[in-house]
Protein backbone atom coordinates (compact mmCIF):
# COMPACT_ATOMS: atom_id res chain seq x y z
CA MET A 1 -22.93 68.02 83.62
CA ASP A 2 -24.95 65.90 81.18
CA VAL A 3 -23.12 62.90 79.69
CA LEU A 4 -24.27 60.51 76.99
CA LEU A 5 -23.02 56.96 77.64
CA ILE A 6 -23.13 54.57 74.66
CA GLU A 7 -22.26 51.14 76.06
CA ASP A 8 -23.79 47.74 75.34
CA GLU A 9 -22.38 45.90 78.39
CA LYS A 10 -24.93 46.39 81.15
CA LYS A 11 -22.53 45.81 84.06
CA ILE A 12 -20.12 48.42 82.79
CA ALA A 13 -22.94 50.84 82.03
CA ASP A 14 -24.39 50.46 85.55
CA PHE A 15 -20.92 50.94 87.05
CA VAL A 16 -20.31 54.14 85.08
CA ILE A 17 -23.81 55.56 85.72
CA GLU A 18 -23.43 54.99 89.45
CA GLY A 19 -20.00 56.61 89.50
CA PHE A 20 -21.22 59.61 87.52
CA ALA A 21 -24.19 60.05 89.87
CA VAL A 22 -21.87 60.16 92.90
CA ALA A 23 -19.87 62.89 91.09
CA GLY A 24 -23.06 64.88 90.46
CA MET A 25 -23.21 64.09 86.73
CA ARG A 26 -26.41 63.15 84.88
CA THR A 27 -26.17 60.21 82.48
CA HIS A 28 -28.29 59.30 79.46
CA HIS A 29 -27.56 55.69 78.45
CA GLU A 30 -27.99 54.02 75.07
CA ALA A 31 -27.08 50.35 74.51
CA ASP A 32 -26.25 50.36 70.79
CA GLY A 33 -24.47 52.59 68.32
CA PHE A 34 -27.48 53.52 66.21
CA ARG A 35 -29.60 54.72 69.12
CA GLY A 36 -26.55 56.44 70.57
CA LEU A 37 -25.96 58.34 67.34
CA THR A 38 -29.62 59.34 67.07
CA THR A 39 -29.65 60.64 70.64
CA ALA A 40 -26.38 62.53 70.19
CA LEU A 41 -27.75 64.26 67.09
CA MET A 42 -31.02 65.21 68.76
CA LYS A 43 -29.93 66.37 72.20
CA ARG A 44 -27.08 68.50 73.54
CA PHE A 45 -24.60 66.89 75.95
CA ASP A 46 -21.49 68.17 77.68
CA ALA A 47 -19.60 64.98 76.83
CA ILE A 48 -20.07 61.59 75.16
CA VAL A 49 -18.49 58.35 76.42
CA MET A 50 -18.79 55.43 74.04
CA ASP A 51 -17.54 51.91 73.51
CA VAL A 52 -16.02 50.83 70.20
CA SER A 53 -17.50 47.34 69.76
CA MET A 54 -21.30 47.79 69.81
CA PRO A 55 -24.37 46.40 68.04
CA LEU A 56 -25.72 48.04 64.86
CA MET A 57 -22.93 50.65 64.59
CA ASP A 58 -19.50 50.56 66.14
CA GLY A 59 -17.97 53.50 67.96
CA PHE A 60 -15.80 54.57 65.02
CA GLU A 61 -18.86 54.76 62.75
CA VAL A 62 -20.84 56.73 65.33
CA LEU A 63 -17.96 59.15 65.89
CA ALA A 64 -17.46 59.69 62.15
CA GLU A 65 -21.16 60.46 61.66
CA LEU A 66 -21.17 62.88 64.59
CA ARG A 67 -18.22 64.85 63.29
CA LYS A 68 -19.59 64.80 59.74
CA SER A 69 -22.85 66.24 61.08
CA GLY A 70 -20.99 69.08 62.81
CA VAL A 71 -21.41 67.80 66.37
CA GLN A 72 -18.30 68.88 68.27
CA THR A 73 -19.24 67.48 71.68
CA PRO A 74 -16.13 66.08 73.43
CA VAL A 75 -15.92 62.29 72.98
CA ILE A 76 -14.04 59.70 75.04
CA MET A 77 -13.70 56.25 73.54
CA LEU A 78 -14.01 53.63 76.31
CA THR A 79 -12.96 50.21 75.05
CA ALA A 80 -10.97 47.02 75.58
CA ARG A 81 -9.33 47.59 72.19
CA SER A 82 -6.08 49.25 73.22
CA ASP A 83 -3.90 48.60 70.15
CA LEU A 84 -2.05 51.60 68.76
CA GLU A 85 -3.88 51.22 65.45
CA ASP A 86 -7.27 51.58 67.16
CA ARG A 87 -6.09 54.56 69.22
CA LEU A 88 -4.78 56.36 66.14
CA ARG A 89 -7.98 55.64 64.23
CA ALA A 90 -10.04 57.07 67.10
CA PHE A 91 -8.07 60.31 67.24
CA GLN A 92 -7.99 60.66 63.47
CA THR A 93 -11.77 60.23 63.37
CA GLY A 94 -12.25 62.99 65.94
CA ALA A 95 -12.07 61.49 69.43
CA ASP A 96 -10.84 63.76 72.22
CA ASP A 97 -9.58 60.96 74.47
CA TYR A 98 -9.23 57.18 74.59
CA LEU A 99 -9.42 55.10 77.78
CA ALA A 100 -8.81 51.36 77.77
CA LYS A 101 -10.79 48.86 79.86
CA PRO A 102 -10.47 47.99 82.70
CA PHE A 103 -10.47 51.53 84.10
CA PHE A 104 -11.00 53.48 87.29
CA ILE A 105 -14.18 55.55 87.36
CA GLU A 106 -12.27 58.36 89.09
CA GLU A 107 -9.88 58.59 86.15
CA LEU A 108 -12.75 58.64 83.65
CA ILE A 109 -14.42 61.50 85.52
CA VAL A 110 -11.18 63.51 85.63
CA ARG A 111 -10.67 62.96 81.90
CA ILE A 112 -14.22 64.13 81.15
CA LYS A 113 -13.76 67.31 83.17
CA LYS A 114 -10.45 67.98 81.44
CA ILE A 115 -11.68 67.60 77.87
CA THR A 116 -14.89 69.58 78.46
CA HIS A 117 -12.90 72.44 79.95
CA GLN A 118 -10.38 72.26 77.12
CA LYS A 119 -13.12 72.18 74.47
CA VAL A 120 -14.71 75.36 75.78
CA PHE A 121 -11.30 77.05 75.91
CA GLU A 122 -10.41 76.00 72.37
CA SER A 123 -13.71 76.81 70.71
CA GLY A 124 -14.48 79.95 72.70
CA THR A 125 -17.80 80.77 74.23
CA VAL A 126 -19.27 82.63 71.27
CA ILE A 127 -20.80 81.00 68.20
CA THR A 128 -21.04 83.22 65.12
CA GLN A 129 -23.11 82.30 62.09
CA SER A 130 -25.15 84.15 59.45
CA GLY A 131 -24.65 87.50 61.15
CA ILE A 132 -25.77 86.20 64.55
CA SER A 133 -23.43 85.83 67.53
CA LEU A 134 -24.46 83.69 70.51
CA ASP A 135 -22.62 83.62 73.84
CA ARG A 136 -22.98 80.14 75.34
CA PHE A 137 -22.20 81.28 78.89
CA THR A 138 -24.35 84.42 79.16
CA ARG A 139 -27.03 83.32 76.63
CA ILE A 140 -26.79 86.78 75.05
CA VAL A 141 -27.53 86.87 71.34
CA LYS A 142 -26.55 89.73 69.04
CA PHE A 143 -27.79 90.52 65.56
CA LYS A 144 -26.79 93.72 63.79
CA ASN A 145 -27.61 96.51 66.26
CA ARG A 146 -29.69 94.41 68.64
CA ALA A 147 -28.76 92.33 71.71
CA ALA A 148 -30.98 90.23 73.98
CA THR A 149 -30.75 87.59 76.69
CA LEU A 150 -32.45 84.31 75.77
CA THR A 151 -34.35 81.85 77.92
CA GLN A 152 -32.85 78.37 78.19
CA ARG A 153 -35.18 76.90 75.53
CA GLU A 154 -34.68 79.84 73.18
CA PHE A 155 -30.93 79.41 73.62
CA VAL A 156 -30.97 75.63 72.96
CA LEU A 157 -33.19 76.11 69.89
CA LEU A 158 -31.00 78.83 68.39
CA GLU A 159 -27.78 76.99 69.24
CA CYS A 160 -29.12 73.87 67.50
CA LEU A 161 -29.82 75.84 64.30
CA MET A 162 -26.52 77.73 64.43
CA LEU A 163 -24.40 74.59 64.86
CA SER A 164 -25.95 73.08 61.71
CA PRO A 165 -26.46 76.07 59.37
CA GLY A 166 -28.54 75.29 56.32
CA GLN A 167 -29.93 72.06 57.79
CA ILE A 168 -33.72 71.90 58.03
CA PHE A 169 -35.03 70.87 61.45
CA THR A 170 -38.60 69.62 61.76
CA ARG A 171 -40.75 70.85 64.63
CA GLN A 172 -40.54 67.40 66.18
CA GLN A 173 -36.73 67.46 66.10
CA ILE A 174 -36.71 70.88 67.74
CA LEU A 175 -39.19 69.71 70.38
CA LYS A 176 -36.86 66.83 71.20
CA ARG A 177 -33.84 69.10 71.42
CA ALA A 178 -35.29 72.04 73.37
CA TRP A 179 -38.15 70.43 75.31
CA ASN A 180 -36.94 66.79 75.44
CA VAL A 181 -40.29 65.68 73.99
CA ASP A 182 -40.18 62.53 71.82
CA PHE A 183 -43.47 63.18 70.03
CA ASP A 184 -45.40 66.09 68.58
CA PRO A 185 -48.10 66.97 71.14
CA GLY A 186 -49.92 69.09 68.58
CA THR A 187 -48.92 72.39 70.16
CA ASN A 188 -47.35 75.47 68.62
CA LEU A 189 -44.50 75.62 71.16
CA VAL A 190 -41.82 75.73 68.48
CA ASP A 191 -43.54 78.39 66.39
CA VAL A 192 -44.09 80.61 69.43
CA CYS A 193 -40.44 80.22 70.47
CA ILE A 194 -39.25 81.12 66.96
CA GLN A 195 -41.48 84.20 66.99
CA ARG A 196 -40.00 85.28 70.33
CA LEU A 197 -36.49 84.85 68.96
CA ARG A 198 -37.29 86.93 65.90
CA LYS A 199 -38.81 89.66 68.03
CA LYS A 200 -35.83 89.73 70.39
CA ILE A 201 -33.05 89.91 67.83
CA SER A 202 -34.54 91.91 65.00
CA ASP A 203 -36.58 94.98 64.33
CA ALA A 204 -39.06 95.98 61.65
CA ASP A 205 -36.30 96.74 59.14
CA PHE A 206 -34.84 93.24 59.27
CA TYR A 207 -37.86 91.00 58.72
CA SER A 208 -37.31 90.52 54.99
CA VAL A 209 -36.44 87.03 53.78
CA ASN A 210 -33.18 88.28 52.30
CA SER A 211 -31.79 89.72 55.54
CA PHE A 212 -33.21 87.73 58.45
CA PRO A 213 -31.42 84.38 58.91
CA LEU A 214 -34.09 82.27 60.68
CA GLU A 215 -36.05 80.82 57.78
CA THR A 216 -39.41 79.07 57.88
CA ILE A 217 -39.67 76.08 55.55
CA ARG A 218 -43.40 75.90 55.05
CA GLY A 219 -44.91 72.57 56.10
CA VAL A 220 -41.54 71.23 57.26
CA GLY A 221 -39.78 73.27 59.93
CA TYR A 222 -36.99 75.82 60.29
CA ARG A 223 -33.37 76.38 59.38
CA LEU A 224 -30.65 78.98 59.71
CA ASN A 225 -30.32 80.49 56.27
CA ILE A 226 -26.70 80.70 55.08
CA GLU A 227 -27.50 82.23 51.69
CA PRO A 228 -26.06 85.73 51.09
């Protein structure tokens, strides 16, 4: 399980990271709200744990931006602010759970496992968009009369586009998401991956711009076309 921890207090962050490691969970840590938001938008996580009071952006602002951007990753707010007003605001903004400090790491881990399991159950395993269906468990993609099993990077790339239909992703953004590369190494990795996807889930009759949903934005990147 990959968890994004957004926490500015180093002692708490170290405590959580150590506890997650013992439980077999990988942690990516950011120490302020802005960097946390950027990372959450660029990379896929199984869960996000974030504080409320943080530099640059507070947890409520980060959560609101995530939900507005279509990111439905389960979020646990981890904070010393335990007033009812703050709890209600968190849930109304889109939080899945709210745990007050001080806390037991064992309880946090149990809560993460519960909300991630519940999220998969509620949302289902299949994403459907623009005529494409993608099974998140089997990595099988279907388009019209074709079905194919994707590699992990093909799956992450297509999932990224399908979760934000109509949004243009630059090659560098896709590299970060699918290859975890922070810079453009000057390769054609993304273009080759897109070509493989097109070949797997289409045939010669479906390559027209009007019918095939993966659209190339010349000089910019790619998007999932939601136009009729």
